[in-house]
N, C-alpha and C. Protein backbone atom coordinates (compact mmCIF):
# COMPACT_ATOMS: atom_id res chain seq x y z
N MET A 1 38.93 -9.12 -16.59
CA MET A 1 38.80 -9.55 -15.22
C MET A 1 40.05 -10.28 -14.77
N ASP A 2 41.16 -9.59 -14.79
CA ASP A 2 42.41 -10.20 -14.37
C ASP A 2 43.26 -9.20 -13.60
N GLY A 3 42.59 -8.35 -12.83
CA GLY A 3 43.30 -7.32 -12.08
C GLY A 3 43.54 -7.73 -10.64
N PRO A 4 44.11 -6.85 -9.86
CA PRO A 4 44.43 -7.16 -8.47
C PRO A 4 43.19 -7.42 -7.60
N LEU A 5 42.08 -6.73 -7.87
CA LEU A 5 40.87 -6.99 -7.08
C LEU A 5 40.34 -8.40 -7.30
N GLU A 6 40.41 -8.85 -8.53
CA GLU A 6 39.97 -10.21 -8.82
C GLU A 6 40.83 -11.24 -8.10
N TRP A 7 42.14 -10.98 -8.03
CA TRP A 7 43.04 -11.89 -7.31
C TRP A 7 42.75 -11.87 -5.81
N VAL A 8 42.50 -10.70 -5.25
CA VAL A 8 42.15 -10.60 -3.83
C VAL A 8 40.86 -11.37 -3.56
N ALA A 9 39.87 -11.17 -4.43
CA ALA A 9 38.59 -11.87 -4.25
C ALA A 9 38.76 -13.39 -4.39
N ALA A 10 39.56 -13.82 -5.35
CA ALA A 10 39.77 -15.25 -5.56
C ALA A 10 40.49 -15.88 -4.37
N ILE A 11 41.55 -15.25 -3.91
CA ILE A 11 42.30 -15.79 -2.77
C ILE A 11 41.45 -15.75 -1.51
N GLY A 12 40.68 -14.68 -1.32
CA GLY A 12 39.78 -14.59 -0.18
C GLY A 12 38.73 -15.69 -0.20
N THR A 13 38.23 -16.01 -1.38
CA THR A 13 37.25 -17.09 -1.51
C THR A 13 37.87 -18.43 -1.14
N ILE A 14 39.09 -18.67 -1.57
CA ILE A 14 39.79 -19.92 -1.23
C ILE A 14 40.01 -20.02 0.28
N ILE A 15 40.43 -18.95 0.90
CA ILE A 15 40.65 -18.95 2.35
C ILE A 15 39.34 -19.18 3.09
N ALA A 16 38.28 -18.49 2.66
CA ALA A 16 36.98 -18.65 3.31
C ALA A 16 36.48 -20.09 3.19
N ALA A 17 36.60 -20.67 2.01
CA ALA A 17 36.17 -22.05 1.82
C ALA A 17 36.97 -23.00 2.70
N SER A 18 38.25 -22.73 2.85
CA SER A 18 39.10 -23.56 3.71
C SER A 18 38.67 -23.45 5.17
N LEU A 19 38.39 -22.24 5.63
CA LEU A 19 37.97 -22.05 7.02
C LEU A 19 36.68 -22.81 7.32
N VAL A 20 35.76 -22.82 6.37
CA VAL A 20 34.50 -23.53 6.57
C VAL A 20 34.71 -25.04 6.44
N ALA A 21 35.45 -25.47 5.43
CA ALA A 21 35.59 -26.90 5.15
C ALA A 21 36.41 -27.65 6.19
N PHE A 22 37.43 -27.00 6.75
CA PHE A 22 38.28 -27.70 7.71
C PHE A 22 37.61 -27.91 9.06
N ASP A 23 36.48 -27.25 9.29
CA ASP A 23 35.69 -27.44 10.51
C ASP A 23 36.57 -27.35 11.76
N LEU A 24 37.21 -26.20 11.93
CA LEU A 24 38.12 -25.98 13.05
C LEU A 24 37.42 -25.41 14.29
N GLY A 25 36.11 -25.45 14.29
CA GLY A 25 35.34 -24.93 15.42
C GLY A 25 34.36 -23.87 14.95
N ARG A 26 33.39 -23.58 15.80
CA ARG A 26 32.33 -22.65 15.43
C ARG A 26 32.86 -21.25 15.12
N ARG A 27 33.78 -20.77 15.92
CA ARG A 27 34.28 -19.41 15.71
C ARG A 27 35.02 -19.30 14.38
N THR A 28 35.85 -20.27 14.07
CA THR A 28 36.59 -20.25 12.81
C THR A 28 35.64 -20.36 11.62
N THR A 29 34.65 -21.23 11.74
CA THR A 29 33.66 -21.35 10.67
C THR A 29 32.89 -20.05 10.49
N ALA A 30 32.54 -19.41 11.60
CA ALA A 30 31.84 -18.12 11.52
C ALA A 30 32.70 -17.08 10.80
N TRP A 31 33.99 -17.05 11.11
CA TRP A 31 34.88 -16.11 10.41
C TRP A 31 34.98 -16.45 8.92
N GLY A 32 34.90 -17.74 8.60
CA GLY A 32 34.86 -18.14 7.19
C GLY A 32 33.65 -17.56 6.48
N PHE A 33 32.50 -17.60 7.14
CA PHE A 33 31.29 -17.02 6.55
C PHE A 33 31.41 -15.50 6.43
N VAL A 34 32.03 -14.86 7.40
CA VAL A 34 32.23 -13.40 7.32
C VAL A 34 33.12 -13.08 6.11
N LEU A 35 34.20 -13.83 5.96
CA LEU A 35 35.09 -13.60 4.82
C LEU A 35 34.36 -13.88 3.50
N PHE A 36 33.54 -14.93 3.47
CA PHE A 36 32.73 -15.20 2.29
C PHE A 36 31.84 -14.00 1.95
N CYS A 37 31.24 -13.39 2.96
CA CYS A 37 30.39 -12.20 2.73
C CYS A 37 31.21 -11.06 2.12
N LEU A 38 32.39 -10.83 2.67
CA LEU A 38 33.23 -9.74 2.16
C LEU A 38 33.64 -9.98 0.71
N VAL A 39 34.09 -11.19 0.41
CA VAL A 39 34.53 -11.44 -0.96
C VAL A 39 33.35 -11.52 -1.93
N SER A 40 32.19 -11.96 -1.45
CA SER A 40 31.01 -11.93 -2.32
C SER A 40 30.66 -10.50 -2.69
N ALA A 41 30.73 -9.59 -1.72
CA ALA A 41 30.47 -8.18 -2.01
C ALA A 41 31.50 -7.65 -3.01
N LEU A 42 32.74 -8.07 -2.84
CA LEU A 42 33.79 -7.66 -3.78
C LEU A 42 33.51 -8.20 -5.18
N TRP A 43 33.10 -9.48 -5.25
CA TRP A 43 32.78 -10.07 -6.56
C TRP A 43 31.59 -9.38 -7.20
N ILE A 44 30.62 -8.97 -6.40
CA ILE A 44 29.47 -8.25 -6.95
C ILE A 44 29.95 -6.96 -7.60
N GLY A 45 30.78 -6.22 -6.89
CA GLY A 45 31.32 -4.98 -7.46
C GLY A 45 32.12 -5.23 -8.73
N ILE A 46 32.93 -6.27 -8.71
CA ILE A 46 33.73 -6.61 -9.90
C ILE A 46 32.81 -6.97 -11.06
N GLY A 47 31.79 -7.78 -10.78
CA GLY A 47 30.87 -8.18 -11.84
C GLY A 47 30.11 -7.02 -12.44
N LEU A 48 29.68 -6.09 -11.59
CA LEU A 48 28.93 -4.94 -12.09
C LEU A 48 29.80 -3.99 -12.90
N THR A 49 31.04 -3.81 -12.48
CA THR A 49 31.92 -2.88 -13.20
C THR A 49 32.59 -3.51 -14.42
N SER A 50 32.58 -4.83 -14.50
CA SER A 50 33.21 -5.52 -15.63
C SER A 50 32.19 -6.06 -16.62
N ASP A 51 30.94 -5.67 -16.46
CA ASP A 51 29.87 -6.16 -17.33
C ASP A 51 29.80 -7.68 -17.30
N ALA A 52 29.94 -8.24 -16.10
CA ALA A 52 29.86 -9.69 -15.90
C ALA A 52 28.70 -9.98 -14.95
N MET A 53 27.48 -9.79 -15.45
CA MET A 53 26.29 -9.94 -14.61
C MET A 53 26.13 -11.33 -14.00
N PRO A 54 26.49 -12.42 -14.69
CA PRO A 54 26.37 -13.73 -14.04
C PRO A 54 27.20 -13.82 -12.75
N ILE A 55 28.40 -13.25 -12.75
CA ILE A 55 29.24 -13.25 -11.54
C ILE A 55 28.57 -12.43 -10.45
N ALA A 56 28.04 -11.26 -10.82
CA ALA A 56 27.38 -10.39 -9.84
C ALA A 56 26.14 -11.06 -9.28
N ALA A 57 25.32 -11.66 -10.13
CA ALA A 57 24.08 -12.30 -9.69
C ALA A 57 24.37 -13.50 -8.79
N MET A 58 25.33 -14.33 -9.20
CA MET A 58 25.68 -15.50 -8.39
C MET A 58 26.16 -15.06 -7.01
N ASN A 59 26.99 -14.05 -6.96
CA ASN A 59 27.54 -13.63 -5.68
C ASN A 59 26.53 -12.88 -4.83
N LEU A 60 25.51 -12.29 -5.43
CA LEU A 60 24.43 -11.71 -4.63
C LEU A 60 23.71 -12.82 -3.87
N ILE A 61 23.42 -13.93 -4.55
CA ILE A 61 22.79 -15.07 -3.89
C ILE A 61 23.73 -15.66 -2.84
N LEU A 62 25.00 -15.82 -3.18
CA LEU A 62 25.97 -16.35 -2.22
C LEU A 62 26.13 -15.43 -1.01
N LEU A 63 26.05 -14.12 -1.23
CA LEU A 63 26.12 -13.18 -0.11
C LEU A 63 24.97 -13.42 0.86
N LEU A 64 23.76 -13.62 0.33
CA LEU A 64 22.61 -13.90 1.20
C LEU A 64 22.78 -15.21 1.95
N ILE A 65 23.26 -16.24 1.26
CA ILE A 65 23.48 -17.54 1.90
C ILE A 65 24.54 -17.43 2.99
N ASN A 66 25.63 -16.75 2.70
CA ASN A 66 26.71 -16.62 3.68
C ASN A 66 26.32 -15.71 4.83
N ALA A 67 25.50 -14.70 4.58
CA ALA A 67 24.99 -13.87 5.68
C ALA A 67 24.13 -14.73 6.60
N TRP A 68 23.38 -15.66 6.03
CA TRP A 68 22.61 -16.60 6.84
C TRP A 68 23.56 -17.46 7.68
N GLY A 69 24.67 -17.87 7.11
CA GLY A 69 25.67 -18.63 7.86
C GLY A 69 26.24 -17.83 9.02
N VAL A 70 26.52 -16.54 8.80
CA VAL A 70 26.99 -15.68 9.89
C VAL A 70 25.93 -15.63 10.98
N TRP A 71 24.68 -15.46 10.59
CA TRP A 71 23.58 -15.41 11.57
C TRP A 71 23.54 -16.72 12.37
N GLN A 72 23.61 -17.84 11.67
CA GLN A 72 23.51 -19.14 12.34
C GLN A 72 24.67 -19.38 13.30
N TYR A 73 25.87 -19.01 12.91
CA TYR A 73 27.03 -19.33 13.73
C TYR A 73 27.31 -18.31 14.83
N TRP A 74 26.85 -17.05 14.67
CA TRP A 74 27.20 -16.05 15.67
C TRP A 74 26.01 -15.48 16.42
N PHE A 75 24.88 -15.35 15.76
CA PHE A 75 23.81 -14.56 16.36
C PHE A 75 22.55 -15.33 16.70
N HIS A 76 22.34 -16.49 16.15
CA HIS A 76 21.11 -17.23 16.43
C HIS A 76 21.09 -17.64 17.90
N PRO A 77 19.97 -17.37 18.58
CA PRO A 77 19.91 -17.64 20.04
C PRO A 77 20.22 -19.09 20.41
N LYS A 78 19.80 -20.05 19.61
CA LYS A 78 20.04 -21.46 19.98
C LYS A 78 21.52 -21.82 19.92
N ASN A 79 22.31 -21.05 19.19
CA ASN A 79 23.73 -21.37 19.04
C ASN A 79 24.65 -20.46 19.85
N ARG A 80 24.11 -19.48 20.50
CA ARG A 80 24.96 -18.54 21.25
C ARG A 80 25.72 -19.23 22.37
N LYS A 81 25.13 -20.24 22.99
CA LYS A 81 25.78 -20.94 24.10
C LYS A 81 26.80 -21.95 23.60
N ALA A 82 26.72 -22.31 22.32
CA ALA A 82 27.62 -23.33 21.77
C ALA A 82 28.89 -22.74 21.18
N LYS A 83 29.11 -21.45 21.36
CA LYS A 83 30.31 -20.82 20.81
C LYS A 83 31.57 -21.42 21.41
N ASP A 84 32.65 -21.34 20.64
CA ASP A 84 33.96 -21.82 21.15
C ASP A 84 34.45 -20.95 22.28
C-alpha cells in the first residue's frame, strides 16, 4: 500500500480535513465533505484490492458519515437558505 493511488487518497484526505477544519464557510465545508466522500471511495477500493479490510470497512463508515455531511451542508431544507 505505497502506490500513487494511496498518495492521492492520503493527500485528498488531508485537503478535505483542512477544508472542514478551517471553517471557511458553508460552501467550502460542503466541498470538504464531497472530497471526503471521493477519497473514502478511493480508500475502499484500495482496501479491497490490497486485502486491507480494516481500511475498507472504516472508510465505508466514513463515506456514510461524510455523505450525511454533504446532505446537511448542501441539500437539507433547513440549511438551503444559509448557503454562502
